[in-house]
Structures are given as structure tokens and as C-alpha cells.
Amino acid sequence: MRLFWKFFCGMVAVTALACSLGGYLLIDQQFRAGLEQEVSALYEENDVLRYTVSREMEERGSSPNALASMNAARVSAGGRLMGYRLTDAEGGVLTNNGLIPPPEEGLIPYLSGLERRRGWVLTCSGERRVLYAASPLVMNGRTIYLENSRDVTELFHSREERYAGFRRLLLALTLLVGGLTLALTAVLLRPLGRLSRATRRIAAGELTERVRVDTDDELGRLSEDFNTMAERLSHTVGELTEATRRQESFVGSFAHEIKTPLTSIIGYADLLRSRPLTPKQTRKSAGYIFDEGRRLEALSRKLMDMIVLDKQDFALLPLPMDRFLQQLGQGQAPILLREGIRLTVRAEEAVVPAEPDLLKTVLLNLLDNGRKAMIPVAEGEHGDLLLEGSVEEGGYRLRVTDTGKGIPAEELSRITEAFYMVDKSRARAQGGAGLGLALCTRIVELHGGTMEIESVEGKGTRVTVHLKGGAGDEAAE
């Protein structure tokens, strides 16, 4: 059963049940109050009759003849003639003024149990209801009983009429409550309907679907939570879609990077195998095979580094940055200078927790990218590479600045993706595979740091690495 009908049926059932119990209890209470009033009136009449009969018996005596002479006695109260009779302990009628109904079967044993107290009993004869009261009288050592009655049939008829009227009223009230509940339920549960429709649309792939929020009650907050969930789901699906796209791009780029050198290697090897060549042609072919083999070796090493970085944690050791950067610069300066590039190193003294080999990989990749961005250098000119290290608040800053051709602004957001290259033909010609910056980003993240790339096309690029935990020599001691 739908929640709508559960809510509707529940409201109608609870209302009907509550009204039924309340109405029937109220009618019953009124009936009992009326019955108690009738019993009180019956006792009052019995008291009047006791007084009257006692006076008559004192004057006439309690002999059978005297009692028989009382059959014609009439006693009235409030303009109403009261019927009575006198019976003995065995239930035999001693006198009866003719205004009381004949005794009912089962009444006599009850009356015979009376001694010094009075009592009443209700009798039924068809639709007629009669109250009988009795009280004992002692005359000359003999106990006799004074009985009187009161017809209460109208009281019972009144109760049945009230029940019938209440049932008609209850039916009308139930229909009215049903109509109001139907309208109220439709209004209250309307947000749930919108939520259900929105859920089905999102399940069908419409991730931009949102629910209108009209109230600030529980259903309104549920709608807001649903919109928040849908927003996060849309964002997550977008990230997964982008990750899938990058993965497909990665696989395609990887296959292309592997295929290109393999094709060259196989082609030149087949050339060497299939026909005789001059010594110059042989050296040229062997050179191509050697270069492409080195390229495959570098590509495999970088891929392995990325896989290892994703699977392991490395211990970070205290590293004196000034000596580390100077030694790195001394090793790279001659190589760069042969290609017309001048390297300058500036480093402040500090000790930083780092993994030396991995951090060296980062800086070598950044320096190599700067070198590639400035090749070729015109004769008589030179390019400049600046490697800086400085203490900053809460850490240590590494910066590599080149005077190369720069990176277009629209490419900056993607250059840290694996296999992404701004100038693919030029990068491959220089032995690049598009893995350098992706590897650097992963290593910097492993150190708990961040990397920023700033570039102006035609003027150069600056890469800044922020490491945590840098301290001067004095602090280190």
C-alpha cells in the first residue's frame, strides 16, 4: 500500500475510533446518570410509602383482614399515584393497590434476602423496563416487605435514540474528515512525490535534476538534503567521467609512446638484417635503435616510479637544502652549459624532512623541462635557468625559473596529467614522454607539499614547490 493511502486510512481510522469511543462513553455516562436519578426517585417514593403504610398499619393493625383493607389505599407524590404491594418472606402478596406491575420471576428470592436494608432490581419484559425497590417492615415481630416500582422504559428508548443519532453523526463526521484528510494528505505528501520523480530522473541519467523546496519543515529539509546529495553525486560522476577520460587518454598515449620507438627499432633492425649497408648507414641505423631504446628505458623507469609511489610510503630524512641544491647544480651546470643554458643556484640554509632521491627526481625533471623550453638557443646567446631555495613560514620553498617559450594559459590546467605534452612533436623529438610533471606532482604530494606553475607565453615559466617543515641551521641544532 502506498504511503498516501496509509496516511489517509490511518487518519480516518484514528478519528473515527476516537469519536466513537468518546461518543459512546458520553451517552453511556448520561444514561447511567439518568438511571441513578430514577433509582433515587424510586427510593424517595419507597420512603413515602413506608411512612404512609406504617401509619395505616398502626391504625388498622397487621392482621390479614386489616392488610387486605389497604388494597384500595391510594398514595400520591408530585401528582403521581404510586403503586405498592406488601409481601411476606415467602413472596406471597399480602396487599396490592393495583398500581404496581405483578412480581417478576426471580424478584422474590432477591426481596427475601432483605433484612434491615433496602434494595432495587431492574426487570425486563419485552421492551418494557421496570425498576423495583423493596424495604423490610417489622410489624408485631413479623417481617413483611414493601415494594414499589418505576417504569424506566423511556430512559432506555432515549439511550437507543441517542446511539442511532450518534451513529448517523459519526458517519457524516467520518466522511467530512475523510475529505479533509484526503486534501491535507495530498498537500503534505506532494514533496515526496517530487522527490520520487526526481529520483527516477536521476536514476535515468539526468544528474542536473533538482527538487523545488517550498517549506522549512522535515520534508523541506529532506528535499534540501536530496539536492545536496544530487549535487555531490553529479560532482562525483563528473570526476569519475573525467578520470575515465584521463585513463583512456593515458592508455592511448602510452600505446602511442611505446609503438613509436618500437616501430623505429624494428624498422632499422630489419634494415640491418635484410641487406648490406655502408658503415655510415649502419652507424646511423644503430644510432636510431640506441636512441629509441634509451627512450623506452626512460619511459619504463618513469612509469615504474609512478607505480611504486602509489604503493609505498617513504621515510623522510633531515636534508640540508643548501648543500643539496648546490651539489645538484654543480652536477647539472656543465651539461646545460654545453647547450647554451646558464644555471644559477641560490639556496638558503635549512634542514627539511625529505626523501633525497625522490626530491632530486623532482628538481631534475623541472630543470630538464626548462632546458627543453629553451632549445635551440641562438648562437651568441644563452638561456637562463634559476634554481632557488628559501625558508618560508612553516616550510621551505623551491623554485625553478626558465626564460623559455612559456606555456599557453589554456594548457596550464592539464600539464600535470600523465602523457600530456603542450608541443607533442617537439617533446618527442627531445626524448620526452609527458610523464615528468605528473611524477613531480605525485612526489611533492608524498612530501605533504604543493606545487604551483606560473607561465607567460614567450617569456618563460616558473615552478614553485612548497615543502613543509623547513628550519634554519640554528633551529635544527
Protein backbone atom coordinates (compact mmCIF):
# COMPACT_ATOMS: atom_id res chain seq x y z
CA MET A 1 0.00 0.00 0.00
CA ARG A 2 1.27 3.47 -0.89
CA LEU A 3 2.23 5.86 1.91
CA PHE A 4 -0.53 8.23 0.73
CA TRP A 5 -3.25 5.65 1.44
CA LYS A 6 -1.60 4.52 4.66
CA PHE A 7 -1.60 8.07 5.93
CA PHE A 8 -5.17 8.69 4.75
CA CYS A 9 -6.63 5.46 6.17
CA GLY A 10 -4.72 5.90 9.42
CA MET A 11 -6.01 9.43 9.97
CA VAL A 12 -9.63 8.47 9.19
CA ALA A 13 -9.46 5.33 11.36
CA VAL A 14 -7.95 7.15 14.34
CA THR A 15 -10.51 9.98 14.08
CA ALA A 16 -13.44 7.57 13.76
CA LEU A 17 -12.22 5.42 16.65
CA ALA A 18 -11.63 8.39 18.94
CA CYS A 19 -15.04 9.91 18.16
CA SER A 20 -16.78 6.54 18.57
CA LEU A 21 -15.26 5.85 21.97
CA GLY A 22 -15.88 9.40 23.15
CA GLY A 23 -19.48 9.48 21.92
CA TYR A 24 -20.46 6.11 23.29
CA LEU A 25 -18.83 6.82 26.64
CA LEU A 26 -20.65 10.17 26.86
CA ILE A 27 -24.05 8.62 26.03
CA ASP A 28 -23.46 5.79 28.48
CA GLN A 29 -22.48 8.26 31.19
CA GLN A 30 -25.66 10.26 30.60
CA PHE A 31 -27.72 7.08 30.70
CA ARG A 32 -26.15 5.98 33.98
CA ALA A 33 -26.78 9.40 35.47
CA GLY A 34 -30.43 9.17 34.41
CA LEU A 35 -30.73 5.65 35.85
CA GLU A 36 -29.26 6.82 39.15
CA GLN A 37 -31.83 9.63 39.24
CA GLU A 38 -34.62 7.10 38.65
CA VAL A 39 -33.29 4.90 41.47
CA SER A 40 -33.13 7.91 43.81
CA ALA A 41 -36.72 8.82 42.91
CA LEU A 42 -37.73 5.18 43.46
CA TYR A 43 -36.19 5.21 46.95
CA GLU A 44 -37.88 8.51 47.77
CA GLU A 45 -41.25 7.01 46.79
CA ASN A 46 -40.47 3.95 48.89
CA ASP A 47 -39.76 6.18 51.88
CA VAL A 48 -43.07 7.99 51.40
CA LEU A 49 -44.88 4.68 51.09
CA ARG A 50 -43.17 3.31 54.20
CA TYR A 51 -44.33 6.27 56.19
CA THR A 52 -47.90 6.04 54.86
CA VAL A 53 -48.17 2.23 55.22
CA SER A 54 -46.69 2.35 58.74
CA ARG A 55 -49.33 4.87 59.80
CA GLU A 56 -52.13 2.80 58.25
CA MET A 57 -50.92 -0.40 59.91
CA GLU A 58 -50.68 1.32 63.32
CA GLU A 59 -54.30 2.38 62.96
CA ARG A 60 -55.70 -0.83 61.46
CA GLY A 61 -53.26 -3.43 62.81
CA SER A 62 -51.30 -6.02 60.89
CA SER A 63 -53.89 -8.77 60.67
CA PRO A 64 -54.70 -10.24 57.24
CA ASN A 65 -58.07 -8.53 57.19
CA ALA A 66 -56.52 -5.22 58.08
CA LEU A 67 -53.88 -5.64 55.37
CA ALA A 68 -56.49 -6.62 52.81
CA SER A 69 -58.36 -3.42 53.55
CA MET A 70 -55.32 -1.45 52.36
CA ASN A 71 -55.70 -2.67 48.76
CA ALA A 72 -57.73 0.35 47.91
CA ALA A 73 -55.37 2.87 49.52
CA ARG A 74 -54.02 5.47 47.18
CA VAL A 75 -50.81 7.37 47.82
CA SER A 76 -49.65 10.19 45.55
CA ALA A 77 -46.40 12.14 45.29
CA GLY A 78 -45.90 15.08 42.96
CA GLY A 79 -49.34 14.48 41.41
CA ARG A 80 -48.47 10.87 40.57
CA LEU A 81 -50.27 7.87 42.13
CA MET A 82 -47.75 5.39 43.44
CA GLY A 83 -48.30 1.68 43.22
CA TYR A 84 -47.15 -0.60 46.00
CA ARG A 85 -47.66 -4.06 47.46
CA LEU A 86 -46.85 -5.88 50.67
CA THR A 87 -45.42 -9.39 50.56
CA ASP A 88 -44.37 -11.89 53.17
CA ALA A 89 -41.00 -13.57 53.41
CA GLU A 90 -42.14 -16.37 51.09
CA GLY A 91 -43.20 -13.91 48.38
CA GLY A 92 -46.89 -14.17 48.96
CA VAL A 93 -48.81 -10.97 48.24
CA LEU A 94 -50.50 -9.57 51.35
CA THR A 95 -51.89 -6.43 49.77
CA ASN A 96 -51.67 -4.66 46.41
CA ASN A 97 -53.21 -1.33 45.48
CA GLY A 98 -53.31 -2.41 41.82
CA LEU A 99 -50.93 0.23 40.51
CA ILE A 100 -47.75 -1.89 40.55
CA PRO A 101 -46.97 -4.50 37.89
CA PRO A 102 -47.17 -8.14 39.01
CA PRO A 103 -43.98 -9.53 40.53
CA GLU A 104 -41.44 -10.92 38.08
CA GLU A 105 -39.95 -14.36 38.42
CA GLY A 106 -36.58 -14.06 40.17
CA LEU A 107 -37.59 -10.94 42.08
CA ILE A 108 -38.95 -12.78 45.14
CA PRO A 109 -35.64 -14.51 46.10
CA TYR A 110 -33.90 -11.16 45.92
CA LEU A 111 -36.51 -9.50 48.11
CA SER A 112 -36.48 -12.34 50.61
CA GLY A 113 -32.81 -11.65 51.26
CA LEU A 114 -33.52 -8.14 52.51
CA GLU A 115 -33.42 -7.60 56.26
CA ARG A 116 -32.63 -4.14 57.56
CA ARG A 117 -31.67 -2.59 54.26
CA ARG A 118 -33.44 -1.66 51.08
CA GLY A 119 -32.55 -2.60 47.54
CA TRP A 120 -33.63 -2.33 43.92
CA VAL A 121 -33.68 -4.51 40.84
CA LEU A 122 -34.29 -3.90 37.12
CA THR A 123 -36.61 -6.25 35.28
CA CYS A 124 -37.27 -6.66 31.59
CA SER A 125 -40.49 -7.76 29.93
CA GLY A 126 -40.26 -7.47 26.17
CA GLU A 127 -39.38 -3.86 25.50
CA ARG A 128 -40.61 -2.78 28.92
CA ARG A 129 -38.07 -1.91 31.64
CA VAL A 130 -39.26 -1.64 35.27
CA LEU A 131 -37.32 -0.74 38.44
CA TYR A 132 -38.49 -2.44 41.65
CA ALA A 133 -37.47 -1.31 45.14
CA ALA A 134 -38.21 -3.11 48.39
CA SER A 135 -37.61 -2.45 52.03
CA PRO A 136 -38.47 -4.60 55.14
CA LEU A 137 -41.13 -3.65 57.67
CA VAL A 138 -41.43 -5.31 61.07
CA MET A 139 -44.93 -5.48 62.47
CA ASN A 140 -45.62 -7.39 65.74
CA GLY A 141 -42.46 -9.42 65.30
CA ARG A 142 -43.33 -10.27 61.70
CA THR A 143 -41.20 -9.13 58.71
CA ILE A 144 -43.04 -8.06 55.64
CA TYR A 145 -41.74 -6.23 52.55
CA LEU A 146 -42.91 -3.05 50.98
CA GLU A 147 -42.42 -2.99 47.24
CA ASN A 148 -42.84 -0.18 44.76
CA SER A 149 -41.90 0.21 41.09
CA ARG A 150 -40.98 2.79 38.50
CA ASP A 151 -41.23 2.34 34.72
CA VAL A 152 -37.94 3.36 33.08
CA THR A 153 -38.67 2.11 29.54
CA GLU A 154 -38.47 5.65 28.19
CA LEU A 155 -34.97 6.04 29.62
CA PHE A 156 -33.76 3.02 27.64
CA HIS A 157 -35.58 4.17 24.50
CA SER A 158 -33.87 7.55 24.85
CA ARG A 159 -30.47 5.87 25.02
CA GLU A 160 -31.12 3.86 21.86
CA GLU A 161 -32.27 7.00 20.05
CA ARG A 162 -29.07 8.77 21.10
CA TYR A 163 -26.99 5.85 19.86
CA ALA A 164 -28.77 5.91 16.49
CA GLY A 165 -28.35 9.67 16.18
CA PHE A 166 -24.71 9.43 17.14
CA ARG A 167 -24.07 6.74 14.52
CA ARG A 168 -25.53 9.00 11.83
CA LEU A 169 -23.42 11.88 13.11
CA LEU A 170 -20.33 9.66 13.20
CA LEU A 171 -20.86 8.60 9.59
CA ALA A 172 -21.19 12.22 8.46
CA LEU A 173 -18.15 13.22 10.54
CA THR A 174 -16.09 10.36 9.09
CA LEU A 175 -16.94 11.42 5.54
CA LEU A 176 -16.04 15.03 6.34
CA VAL A 177 -12.76 14.03 8.00
CA GLY A 178 -12.02 11.71 5.07
CA GLY A 179 -12.40 14.55 2.58
CA LEU A 180 -10.29 16.95 4.61
CA THR A 181 -7.64 14.27 5.25
CA LEU A 182 -7.55 13.45 1.54
CA ALA A 183 -6.82 17.07 0.66
CA LEU A 184 -4.36 17.53 3.53
CA THR A 185 -2.52 14.31 2.72
CA ALA A 186 -2.18 15.32 -0.92
CA VAL A 187 -0.68 18.68 0.10
CA LEU A 188 1.65 17.28 2.78
CA LEU A 189 2.98 14.42 0.66
CA ARG A 190 3.43 16.46 -2.51
CA PRO A 191 7.17 16.99 -1.77
CA LEU A 192 7.60 13.20 -1.53
CA GLY A 193 6.08 12.89 -5.00
CA ARG A 194 8.54 15.43 -6.33
CA LEU A 195 11.38 13.57 -4.61
CA SER A 196 10.25 10.30 -6.17
CA ARG A 197 10.08 11.79 -9.67
CA ALA A 198 13.47 13.46 -9.25
CA THR A 199 14.99 10.18 -8.04
CA ARG A 200 13.70 8.34 -11.12
CA ARG A 201 15.10 11.03 -13.41
CA ILE A 202 18.50 10.92 -11.73
CA ALA A 203 18.46 7.13 -11.98
CA ALA A 204 17.78 7.59 -15.72
CA GLY A 205 20.91 9.75 -16.00
CA GLU A 206 19.53 13.29 -15.65
CA LEU A 207 22.03 14.34 -12.98
CA THR A 208 21.05 18.02 -13.21
CA GLU A 209 17.57 17.30 -11.80
CA ARG A 210 16.82 19.13 -8.53
CA VAL A 211 13.78 19.36 -6.23
CA ARG A 212 11.99 22.63 -5.50
CA VAL A 213 11.99 23.45 -1.77
CA ASP A 214 8.85 25.24 -0.58
CA THR A 215 8.87 24.66 3.19
CA ASP A 216 11.34 24.53 6.07
CA ASP A 217 9.77 21.51 7.79
CA GLU A 218 11.13 17.95 7.82
CA LEU A 219 10.10 17.35 4.20
CA GLY A 220 11.70 20.65 3.19
CA ARG A 221 14.95 19.67 4.90
CA LEU A 222 14.73 16.25 3.23
CA SER A 223 14.40 17.99 -0.14
CA GLU A 224 17.45 20.16 0.64
CA ASP A 225 19.42 17.07 1.67
CA PHE A 226 18.34 15.37 -1.55
CA ASN A 227 19.56 18.34 -3.61
CA THR A 228 22.87 18.29 -1.73
CA MET A 229 23.22 14.56 -2.37
CA ALA A 230 22.34 15.03 -6.05
CA GLU A 231 24.91 17.84 -6.34
CA ARG A 232 27.63 15.68 -4.80
CA LEU A 233 26.59 12.73 -6.94
CA SER A 234 26.77 14.88 -10.06
CA HIS A 235 30.19 16.15 -9.00
CA THR A 236 31.41 12.62 -8.25
CA VAL A 237 30.11 11.27 -11.56
CA GLY A 238 31.80 14.18 -13.30
CA GLU A 239 35.07 13.35 -11.57
CA LEU A 240 34.71 9.67 -12.48
CA THR A 241 33.94 10.59 -16.08
CA GLU A 242 36.98 12.84 -16.20
CA ALA A 243 39.10 10.14 -14.54
CA THR A 244 37.89 7.64 -17.14
CA ARG A 245 38.70 10.10 -19.90
CA ARG A 246 42.17 10.65 -18.48
CA GLN A 247 42.67 6.91 -18.11
CA GLU A 248 41.64 6.32 -21.71
CA SER A 249 43.92 9.15 -22.78
CA PHE A 250 46.70 7.65 -20.65
CA VAL A 251 46.29 4.22 -22.23
CA GLY A 252 46.13 5.70 -25.73
CA SER A 253 49.17 7.90 -25.12
CA PHE A 254 51.09 5.03 -23.53
CA ALA A 255 50.34 2.76 -26.50
CA HIS A 256 51.45 5.50 -28.87
CA GLU A 257 54.62 6.22 -26.90
CA ILE A 258 55.54 2.54 -26.91
CA LYS A 259 54.57 2.00 -30.54
CA THR A 260 56.66 4.85 -31.95
CA PRO A 261 60.10 3.74 -30.66
CA LEU A 262 59.28 0.06 -31.23
CA THR A 263 58.40 0.80 -34.85
CA SER A 264 61.71 2.61 -35.33
CA ILE A 265 63.69 -0.13 -33.60
CA ILE A 266 62.01 -2.91 -35.61
CA GLY A 267 62.34 -0.97 -38.86
CA TYR A 268 66.05 -0.19 -38.51
CA ALA A 269 66.81 -3.64 -37.13
CA ASP A 270 65.09 -5.20 -40.15
CA LEU A 271 67.05 -2.88 -42.38
CA LEU A 272 70.32 -4.04 -40.78
CA ARG A 273 69.21 -7.69 -41.05
CA SER A 274 67.80 -7.73 -44.54
CA ARG A 275 70.53 -6.09 -46.67
CA PRO A 276 74.14 -4.96 -46.51
CA LEU A 277 74.71 -1.29 -45.61
CA THR A 278 77.59 1.10 -45.77
CA PRO A 279 79.40 1.76 -42.46
CA LYS A 280 77.73 5.19 -42.31
CA GLN A 281 74.26 3.73 -42.85
CA THR A 282 74.96 1.05 -40.26
CA ARG A 283 76.03 3.62 -37.65
CA LYS A 284 73.01 5.76 -38.44
CA SER A 285 70.63 2.80 -38.08
CA ALA A 286 72.32 1.65 -34.89
CA GLY A 287 72.10 5.22 -33.58
CA TYR A 288 68.36 5.30 -34.19
CA ILE A 289 67.95 1.95 -32.43
CA PHE A 290 70.09 3.16 -29.50
CA ASP A 291 68.15 6.46 -29.12
CA GLU A 292 64.77 4.79 -29.27
CA GLY A 293 65.93 2.09 -26.83
CA ARG A 294 67.08 4.77 -24.39
CA ARG A 295 63.71 6.45 -24.79
CA LEU A 296 61.89 3.20 -23.98
CA GLU A 297 64.18 2.73 -20.97
CA ALA A 298 63.41 6.22 -19.63
CA LEU A 299 59.69 5.75 -20.22
CA SER A 300 59.68 2.41 -18.38
CA ARG A 301 61.64 3.85 -15.46
CA LYS A 302 59.28 6.77 -15.02
CA LEU A 303 56.21 4.56 -15.22
CA MET A 304 57.72 2.25 -12.62
CA ASP A 305 58.47 5.21 -10.37
CA MET A 306 54.84 6.33 -10.56
CA ILE A 307 53.56 2.84 -9.78
CA VAL A 308 55.94 2.48 -6.83
CA LEU A 309 54.96 5.92 -5.49
CA ASP A 310 51.30 4.89 -5.49
CA LYS A 311 52.01 1.76 -3.47
CA GLN A 312 54.62 2.68 -0.89
CA ASP A 313 55.38 5.18 1.85
CA PHE A 314 58.90 6.52 2.07
CA ALA A 315 60.79 7.61 5.18
CA LEU A 316 61.54 11.35 5.17
CA LEU A 317 65.05 12.15 6.43
CA PRO A 318 66.55 15.51 7.53
CA LEU A 319 68.07 17.05 4.38
CA PRO A 320 70.35 20.15 4.41
CA MET A 321 68.86 22.03 1.48
CA ASP A 322 71.67 24.48 0.76
CA ARG A 323 74.28 21.72 0.27
CA PHE A 324 71.76 19.51 -1.58
CA LEU A 325 70.86 22.23 -4.11
CA GLN A 326 74.47 23.33 -4.64
CA GLN A 327 75.58 19.74 -5.33
CA LEU A 328 72.67 19.27 -7.74
CA GLY A 329 73.55 22.49 -9.57
CA GLN A 330 77.23 21.58 -9.82
CA GLY A 331 76.31 18.28 -11.45
CA GLN A 332 73.90 19.81 -14.00
CA ALA A 333 75.61 23.11 -14.84
CA PRO A 334 78.23 21.69 -17.28
CA ILE A 335 75.62 19.64 -19.16
CA LEU A 336 73.34 22.64 -19.54
CA LEU A 337 76.15 24.97 -20.47
CA ARG A 338 77.07 22.78 -23.47
CA GLU A 339 73.57 23.51 -24.80
CA GLY A 340 73.91 27.24 -24.23
CA ILE A 341 71.98 27.37 -20.95
CA ARG A 342 73.38 29.04 -17.83
CA LEU A 343 72.27 27.63 -14.47
CA THR A 344 72.28 29.80 -11.33
CA VAL A 345 71.72 28.30 -7.85
CA ARG A 346 70.67 30.33 -4.78
CA ALA A 347 69.91 28.42 -1.61
CA GLU A 348 69.26 29.44 1.99
CA GLU A 349 70.44 27.19 4.76
CA ALA A 350 67.71 24.97 6.17
CA VAL A 351 67.00 21.36 7.10
CA VAL A 352 63.89 19.84 5.54
CA PRO A 353 62.42 16.35 6.06
CA ALA A 354 62.56 14.75 2.60
CA GLU A 355 63.47 11.66 0.60
CA PRO A 356 66.65 12.77 -1.22
CA ASP A 357 66.38 10.58 -4.33
CA LEU A 358 62.73 11.46 -4.92
CA LEU A 359 63.29 15.17 -4.35
CA LYS A 360 66.25 15.03 -6.72
CA THR A 361 63.96 13.46 -9.32
CA VAL A 362 61.57 16.41 -8.97
CA LEU A 363 64.27 19.02 -9.47
CA LEU A 364 65.92 17.16 -12.36
CA ASN A 365 62.58 16.92 -14.15
CA LEU A 366 61.91 20.65 -13.59
CA LEU A 367 65.39 21.58 -14.83
CA ASP A 368 65.00 19.28 -17.82
CA ASN A 369 61.67 20.87 -18.70
CA GLY A 370 63.30 24.30 -18.54
CA ARG A 371 66.11 23.07 -20.77
CA LYS A 372 63.65 21.75 -23.37
CA ALA A 373 61.72 25.02 -23.33
CA MET A 374 64.88 26.99 -24.32
CA ILE A 375 66.36 24.70 -27.01
CA PRO A 376 67.57 25.68 -29.51
CA VAL A 377 69.46 28.73 -28.30
CA ALA A 378 70.70 31.12 -30.99
CA GLU A 379 74.47 31.36 -31.48
CA GLY A 380 75.99 34.01 -29.26
CA GLU A 381 73.03 33.94 -26.91
CA HIS A 382 72.21 31.83 -23.86
CA GLY A 383 69.19 30.79 -21.86
CA ASP A 384 68.94 31.23 -18.11
CA LEU A 385 67.78 28.70 -15.55
CA LEU A 386 67.44 29.77 -11.92
CA LEU A 387 67.23 27.24 -9.08
CA GLU A 388 66.28 28.86 -5.77
CA GLY A 389 65.71 27.59 -2.24
CA SER A 390 64.41 29.82 0.55
CA VAL A 391 62.88 29.49 4.00
CA GLU A 392 59.21 30.49 4.26
CA GLU A 393 56.71 30.43 7.08
CA GLY A 394 56.02 26.82 8.04
CA GLY A 395 58.30 25.28 5.42
CA TYR A 396 60.82 25.62 2.59
CA ARG A 397 60.27 26.90 -0.93
CA LEU A 398 61.96 25.51 -4.05
CA ARG A 399 61.67 27.44 -7.30
CA VAL A 400 62.85 26.73 -10.86
CA THR A 401 62.57 29.63 -13.34
CA ASP A 402 63.42 29.47 -17.05
CA THR A 403 63.46 32.03 -19.87
CA GLY A 404 61.94 29.67 -22.41
CA LYS A 405 58.93 29.99 -24.67
CA GLY A 406 56.37 29.59 -21.87
CA ILE A 407 53.08 27.68 -21.72
CA PRO A 408 49.73 28.90 -23.11
CA ALA A 409 47.27 29.81 -20.36
CA GLU A 410 44.68 27.27 -21.58
CA GLU A 411 47.23 24.46 -21.22
CA LEU A 412 48.28 25.15 -17.62
CA SER A 413 45.47 23.17 -16.01
CA ARG A 414 46.42 19.97 -17.87
CA ILE A 415 50.19 19.88 -17.95
CA THR A 416 50.42 17.73 -14.80
CA GLU A 417 48.39 14.93 -16.45
CA ALA A 418 50.32 11.84 -17.40
CA PHE A 419 51.44 11.84 -21.08
CA TYR A 420 50.09 15.35 -21.67
CA MET A 421 52.50 17.47 -23.74
CA VAL A 422 51.99 21.05 -24.90
CA ASP A 423 54.10 20.56 -28.06
CA LYS A 424 53.96 16.83 -28.73
CA SER A 425 56.20 16.71 -31.82
CA ARG A 426 58.91 18.84 -30.18
CA ALA A 427 58.72 16.93 -26.89
CA ARG A 428 59.12 13.55 -28.57
CA ALA A 429 61.99 14.87 -30.66
CA GLN A 430 63.74 15.79 -27.39
CA GLY A 431 63.02 12.41 -25.78
CA GLY A 432 60.03 13.49 -23.69
CA ALA A 433 57.05 11.28 -22.81
CA GLY A 434 54.83 13.68 -20.87
CA LEU A 435 55.36 11.94 -17.53
CA GLY A 436 57.74 14.41 -15.85
CA LEU A 437 55.32 16.86 -14.22
CA ALA A 438 52.85 14.08 -13.30
CA LEU A 439 55.69 12.31 -11.49
CA CYS A 440 56.78 15.57 -9.81
CA THR A 441 53.26 16.27 -8.58
CA ARG A 442 52.99 12.82 -7.03
CA ILE A 443 56.35 13.12 -5.26
CA VAL A 444 55.54 16.58 -3.88
CA GLU A 445 52.22 15.27 -2.56
CA LEU A 446 54.09 12.40 -0.91
CA HIS A 447 56.13 15.03 0.97
CA GLY A 448 52.91 16.78 2.06
CA GLY A 449 53.72 19.78 -0.11
CA THR A 450 52.18 21.63 -3.05
CA MET A 451 53.38 22.67 -6.49
CA GLU A 452 52.43 25.84 -8.38
CA ILE A 453 53.13 26.58 -12.06
CA GLU A 454 53.16 30.10 -13.46
CA SER A 455 53.94 30.86 -17.08
CA VAL A 456 53.78 33.69 -19.60
CA GLU A 457 53.87 32.60 -23.20
CA GLY A 458 57.01 33.89 -24.91
CA LYS A 459 58.72 34.90 -21.64
CA GLY A 460 59.21 31.78 -19.54
CA THR A 461 57.88 29.54 -16.79
CA ARG A 462 58.28 29.46 -13.02
CA VAL A 463 57.53 26.32 -10.97
CA THR A 464 57.33 26.69 -7.16
CA VAL A 465 57.36 23.77 -4.73
CA HIS A 466 56.30 24.36 -1.12
CA LEU A 467 57.66 21.78 1.34
CA LYS A 468 56.67 21.53 5.00
CA GLY A 469 59.00 21.63 7.98
CA GLY A 470 61.88 23.81 6.83
CA ALA A 471 64.14 25.19 9.61
CA GLY A 472 67.41 27.12 9.75
CA ASP A 473 70.63 25.56 10.97
CA GLU A 474 70.31 27.08 14.44
CA ALA A 475 66.76 25.79 14.84
CA ALA A 476 67.86 22.38 13.59
CA GLU A 477 70.60 22.18 16.19
